[in-house]
Amino acid sequence: MNGLQQQDDTEYGDEMPDQMVQVSNALAEQRATKKRAQDDVKLLANRIALLKLEEKKAWKKIEDTKKKAVDIMKVRQRNKEIRSEKDNLRM
């Protein structure tokens, strides 16, 4: 090695490992942040899917309730008509 090369090695010898450690730590932190973000995306996607499923069940219950209400109204109307016919026959 020549004198200039040796001087550069000793001049930056202590700083390079610190810089490498900083870069390595920054990369590790960035990877961890990316993993957390990916995990958050998965959790949110699962939560959205669950909410959509719950919404679908709720709409089904609403439709079933509407059908039952229509059926009840028909039965009440039919009972009213039957009572009315009976009342007419009694007169």
N, C-alpha and C. Protein backbone atom coordinates (compact mmCIF):
# COMPACT_ATOMS: atom_id res chain seq x y z
N MET A 1 0.83 -1.17 0.00
CA MET A 1 0.00 0.00 0.00
C MET A 1 0.88 1.24 0.00
N ASN A 2 0.37 2.23 -0.63
CA ASN A 2 1.16 3.46 -0.61
C ASN A 2 0.78 4.30 0.61
N GLY A 3 1.47 5.35 0.84
CA GLY A 3 1.26 6.19 2.01
C GLY A 3 -0.10 6.84 2.04
N LEU A 4 -0.59 7.25 0.86
CA LEU A 4 -1.91 7.91 0.78
C LEU A 4 -3.03 6.94 1.12
N GLN A 5 -2.94 5.74 0.62
CA GLN A 5 -3.94 4.71 0.90
C GLN A 5 -3.97 4.40 2.39
N GLN A 6 -2.82 4.28 2.99
CA GLN A 6 -2.73 3.96 4.41
C GLN A 6 -3.30 5.11 5.24
N GLN A 7 -3.06 6.33 4.84
CA GLN A 7 -3.58 7.49 5.55
C GLN A 7 -5.12 7.49 5.49
N ASP A 8 -5.69 7.19 4.32
CA ASP A 8 -7.14 7.14 4.18
C ASP A 8 -7.74 6.07 5.08
N ASP A 9 -7.10 4.93 5.15
CA ASP A 9 -7.61 3.84 5.98
C ASP A 9 -7.62 4.22 7.45
N THR A 10 -6.58 4.84 7.92
CA THR A 10 -6.54 5.20 9.33
C THR A 10 -7.43 6.40 9.60
N GLU A 11 -7.54 7.30 8.64
CA GLU A 11 -8.36 8.48 8.83
C GLU A 11 -9.84 8.12 8.94
N TYR A 12 -10.32 7.18 8.11
CA TYR A 12 -11.73 6.79 8.11
C TYR A 12 -11.99 5.46 8.81
N GLY A 13 -10.99 4.88 9.34
CA GLY A 13 -11.11 3.56 9.95
C GLY A 13 -12.13 3.51 11.05
N ASP A 14 -12.16 4.49 11.91
CA ASP A 14 -13.10 4.49 13.03
C ASP A 14 -14.50 4.93 12.60
N GLU A 15 -14.60 5.80 11.62
CA GLU A 15 -15.89 6.34 11.20
C GLU A 15 -16.68 5.36 10.34
N MET A 16 -16.02 4.61 9.52
CA MET A 16 -16.73 3.72 8.60
C MET A 16 -17.59 2.70 9.34
N PRO A 17 -17.07 2.04 10.36
CA PRO A 17 -17.95 1.09 11.04
C PRO A 17 -19.16 1.78 11.67
N ASP A 18 -19.00 2.97 12.23
CA ASP A 18 -20.13 3.70 12.81
C ASP A 18 -21.16 4.02 11.74
N GLN A 19 -20.68 4.45 10.58
CA GLN A 19 -21.59 4.76 9.48
C GLN A 19 -22.29 3.50 9.01
N MET A 20 -21.55 2.41 8.95
CA MET A 20 -22.15 1.15 8.51
C MET A 20 -23.19 0.67 9.52
N VAL A 21 -22.90 0.85 10.80
CA VAL A 21 -23.86 0.46 11.84
C VAL A 21 -25.10 1.33 11.73
N GLN A 22 -24.93 2.62 11.50
CA GLN A 22 -26.07 3.52 11.35
C GLN A 22 -26.92 3.14 10.15
N VAL A 23 -26.25 2.86 9.04
CA VAL A 23 -26.97 2.45 7.84
C VAL A 23 -27.68 1.13 8.08
N SER A 24 -26.99 0.21 8.73
CA SER A 24 -27.59 -1.09 9.02
C SER A 24 -28.79 -0.93 9.94
N ASN A 25 -28.65 -0.10 10.96
CA ASN A 25 -29.78 0.15 11.87
C ASN A 25 -30.94 0.81 11.15
N ALA A 26 -30.61 1.77 10.28
CA ALA A 26 -31.67 2.45 9.53
C ALA A 26 -32.40 1.47 8.63
N LEU A 27 -31.65 0.58 7.98
CA LEU A 27 -32.28 -0.43 7.11
C LEU A 27 -33.14 -1.38 7.92
N ALA A 28 -32.64 -1.80 9.08
CA ALA A 28 -33.41 -2.71 9.93
C ALA A 28 -34.69 -2.03 10.40
N GLU A 29 -34.59 -0.76 10.76
CA GLU A 29 -35.77 -0.02 11.19
C GLU A 29 -36.76 0.13 10.05
N GLN A 30 -36.24 0.38 8.86
CA GLN A 30 -37.10 0.53 7.69
C GLN A 30 -37.81 -0.79 7.38
N ARG A 31 -37.07 -1.89 7.48
CA ARG A 31 -37.69 -3.21 7.25
C ARG A 31 -38.80 -3.47 8.28
N ALA A 32 -38.51 -3.15 9.54
CA ALA A 32 -39.50 -3.36 10.60
C ALA A 32 -40.73 -2.49 10.35
N THR A 33 -40.52 -1.26 9.95
CA THR A 33 -41.63 -0.36 9.65
C THR A 33 -42.46 -0.89 8.49
N LYS A 34 -41.78 -1.38 7.46
CA LYS A 34 -42.48 -1.93 6.30
C LYS A 34 -43.29 -3.16 6.71
N LYS A 35 -42.71 -4.02 7.55
CA LYS A 35 -43.42 -5.22 8.00
C LYS A 35 -44.65 -4.84 8.81
N ARG A 36 -44.50 -3.85 9.69
CA ARG A 36 -45.66 -3.40 10.48
C ARG A 36 -46.75 -2.86 9.56
N ALA A 37 -46.34 -2.10 8.54
CA ALA A 37 -47.32 -1.55 7.60
C ALA A 37 -48.02 -2.68 6.84
N GLN A 38 -47.26 -3.68 6.42
CA GLN A 38 -47.86 -4.82 5.71
C GLN A 38 -48.82 -5.58 6.63
N ASP A 39 -48.41 -5.75 7.89
CA ASP A 39 -49.29 -6.42 8.85
C ASP A 39 -50.56 -5.62 9.08
N ASP A 40 -50.41 -4.29 9.16
CA ASP A 40 -51.58 -3.43 9.31
C ASP A 40 -52.52 -3.55 8.12
N VAL A 41 -51.95 -3.64 6.93
CA VAL A 41 -52.77 -3.79 5.72
C VAL A 41 -53.56 -5.10 5.79
N LYS A 42 -52.89 -6.18 6.21
CA LYS A 42 -53.58 -7.47 6.32
C LYS A 42 -54.70 -7.40 7.36
N LEU A 43 -54.40 -6.79 8.51
CA LEU A 43 -55.42 -6.67 9.55
C LEU A 43 -56.61 -5.86 9.07
N LEU A 44 -56.34 -4.76 8.40
CA LEU A 44 -57.43 -3.92 7.89
C LEU A 44 -58.25 -4.65 6.83
N ALA A 45 -57.56 -5.39 5.96
CA ALA A 45 -58.28 -6.15 4.93
C ALA A 45 -59.18 -7.20 5.57
N ASN A 46 -58.66 -7.88 6.60
CA ASN A 46 -59.48 -8.88 7.31
C ASN A 46 -60.66 -8.22 8.00
N ARG A 47 -60.43 -7.06 8.59
CA ARG A 47 -61.50 -6.34 9.29
C ARG A 47 -62.58 -5.89 8.29
N ILE A 48 -62.15 -5.40 7.14
CA ILE A 48 -63.10 -4.98 6.11
C ILE A 48 -63.93 -6.18 5.64
N ALA A 49 -63.25 -7.31 5.42
CA ALA A 49 -63.97 -8.51 4.98
C ALA A 49 -64.99 -8.94 6.04
N LEU A 50 -64.61 -8.87 7.30
CA LEU A 50 -65.52 -9.24 8.38
C LEU A 50 -66.71 -8.28 8.44
N LEU A 51 -66.44 -6.98 8.29
CA LEU A 51 -67.52 -6.00 8.31
C LEU A 51 -68.47 -6.20 7.12
N LYS A 52 -67.93 -6.53 5.96
CA LYS A 52 -68.79 -6.79 4.80
C LYS A 52 -69.67 -8.01 5.05
N LEU A 53 -69.10 -9.03 5.67
CA LEU A 53 -69.88 -10.23 5.99
C LEU A 53 -70.99 -9.90 6.99
N GLU A 54 -70.66 -9.10 8.00
CA GLU A 54 -71.67 -8.69 8.98
C GLU A 54 -72.75 -7.84 8.32
N GLU A 55 -72.35 -6.98 7.39
CA GLU A 55 -73.32 -6.15 6.67
C GLU A 55 -74.27 -7.04 5.86
N LYS A 56 -73.70 -8.04 5.20
CA LYS A 56 -74.52 -8.96 4.40
C LYS A 56 -75.54 -9.68 5.28
N LYS A 57 -75.09 -10.13 6.45
CA LYS A 57 -76.00 -10.80 7.38
C LYS A 57 -77.09 -9.83 7.86
N ALA A 58 -76.69 -8.59 8.14
CA ALA A 58 -77.67 -7.60 8.60
C ALA A 58 -78.72 -7.33 7.53
N TRP A 59 -78.29 -7.19 6.27
CA TRP A 59 -79.25 -6.97 5.18
C TRP A 59 -80.18 -8.16 5.02
N LYS A 60 -79.66 -9.36 5.20
CA LYS A 60 -80.51 -10.56 5.11
C LYS A 60 -81.57 -10.53 6.20
N LYS A 61 -81.16 -10.17 7.42
CA LYS A 61 -82.12 -10.08 8.51
C LYS A 61 -83.17 -9.01 8.22
N ILE A 62 -82.75 -7.90 7.68
CA ILE A 62 -83.69 -6.83 7.33
C ILE A 62 -84.70 -7.32 6.31
N GLU A 63 -84.22 -8.00 5.28
CA GLU A 63 -85.12 -8.53 4.24
C GLU A 63 -86.08 -9.56 4.83
N ASP A 64 -85.55 -10.44 5.69
CA ASP A 64 -86.42 -11.44 6.33
C ASP A 64 -87.49 -10.76 7.18
N THR A 65 -87.11 -9.72 7.90
CA THR A 65 -88.05 -9.00 8.75
C THR A 65 -89.11 -8.31 7.90
N LYS A 66 -88.69 -7.73 6.77
CA LYS A 66 -89.67 -7.11 5.87
C LYS A 66 -90.67 -8.13 5.35
N LYS A 67 -90.17 -9.31 4.98
CA LYS A 67 -91.07 -10.36 4.48
C LYS A 67 -92.04 -10.80 5.57
N LYS A 68 -91.55 -10.94 6.81
CA LYS A 68 -92.42 -11.33 7.90
C LYS A 68 -93.48 -10.26 8.15
N ALA A 69 -93.06 -9.00 8.06
CA ALA A 69 -94.01 -7.89 8.26
C ALA A 69 -95.10 -7.93 7.20
N VAL A 70 -94.73 -8.19 5.95
CA VAL A 70 -95.72 -8.29 4.87
C VAL A 70 -96.66 -9.46 5.13
N ASP A 71 -96.09 -10.59 5.55
CA ASP A 71 -96.92 -11.77 5.86
C ASP A 71 -97.91 -11.46 6.99
N ILE A 72 -97.43 -10.78 8.02
CA ILE A 72 -98.29 -10.43 9.16
C ILE A 72 -99.41 -9.50 8.70
N MET A 73 -99.08 -8.53 7.88
CA MET A 73 -100.09 -7.59 7.38
C MET A 73 -101.14 -8.33 6.54
N LYS A 74 -100.70 -9.30 5.74
CA LYS A 74 -101.65 -10.09 4.93
C LYS A 74 -102.58 -10.89 5.83
N VAL A 75 -102.01 -11.52 6.87
CA VAL A 75 -102.84 -12.30 7.79
C VAL A 75 -103.83 -11.39 8.50
N ARG A 76 -103.37 -10.23 8.95
CA ARG A 76 -104.29 -9.28 9.62
C ARG A 76 -105.41 -8.84 8.68
N GLN A 77 -105.06 -8.56 7.44
CA GLN A 77 -106.05 -8.15 6.45
C GLN A 77 -107.06 -9.27 6.22
N ARG A 78 -106.55 -10.49 6.08
CA ARG A 78 -107.44 -11.64 5.86
C ARG A 78 -108.35 -11.84 7.07
N ASN A 79 -107.79 -11.72 8.28
CA ASN A 79 -108.61 -11.85 9.50
C ASN A 79 -109.66 -10.76 9.57
N LYS A 80 -109.30 -9.56 9.18
CA LYS A 80 -110.24 -8.44 9.17
C LYS A 80 -111.39 -8.72 8.20
N GLU A 81 -111.04 -9.25 7.02
CA GLU A 81 -112.06 -9.57 6.02
C GLU A 81 -112.97 -10.68 6.53
N ILE A 82 -112.40 -11.67 7.17
CA ILE A 82 -113.21 -12.78 7.71
C ILE A 82 -114.15 -12.26 8.78
N ARG A 83 -113.64 -11.42 9.68
CA ARG A 83 -114.50 -10.82 10.72
C ARG A 83 -115.62 -10.00 10.09
N SER A 84 -115.24 -9.27 9.05
CA SER A 84 -116.24 -8.42 8.39
C SER A 84 -117.34 -9.30 7.74
N GLU A 85 -116.93 -10.40 7.12
CA GLU A 85 -117.92 -11.31 6.51
C GLU A 85 -118.81 -11.92 7.58
N LYS A 86 -118.23 -12.29 8.70
CA LYS A 86 -119.02 -12.87 9.79
C LYS A 86 -120.01 -11.85 10.33
N ASP A 87 -119.53 -10.62 10.48
CA ASP A 87 -120.42 -9.55 10.97
C ASP A 87 -121.58 -9.33 9.98
N ASN A 88 -121.28 -9.38 8.69
CA ASN A 88 -122.31 -9.20 7.67
C ASN A 88 -123.32 -10.34 7.70
N LEU A 89 -122.88 -11.55 7.97
CA LEU A 89 -123.78 -12.69 8.03
C LEU A 89 -124.68 -12.64 9.25
N ARG A 90 -124.22 -12.08 10.33
CA ARG A 90 -125.01 -11.98 11.55
C ARG A 90 -126.15 -10.97 11.39
N MET A 91 -125.99 -10.04 10.53
CA MET A 91 -127.01 -8.99 10.38
C MET A 91 -128.17 -9.48 9.64
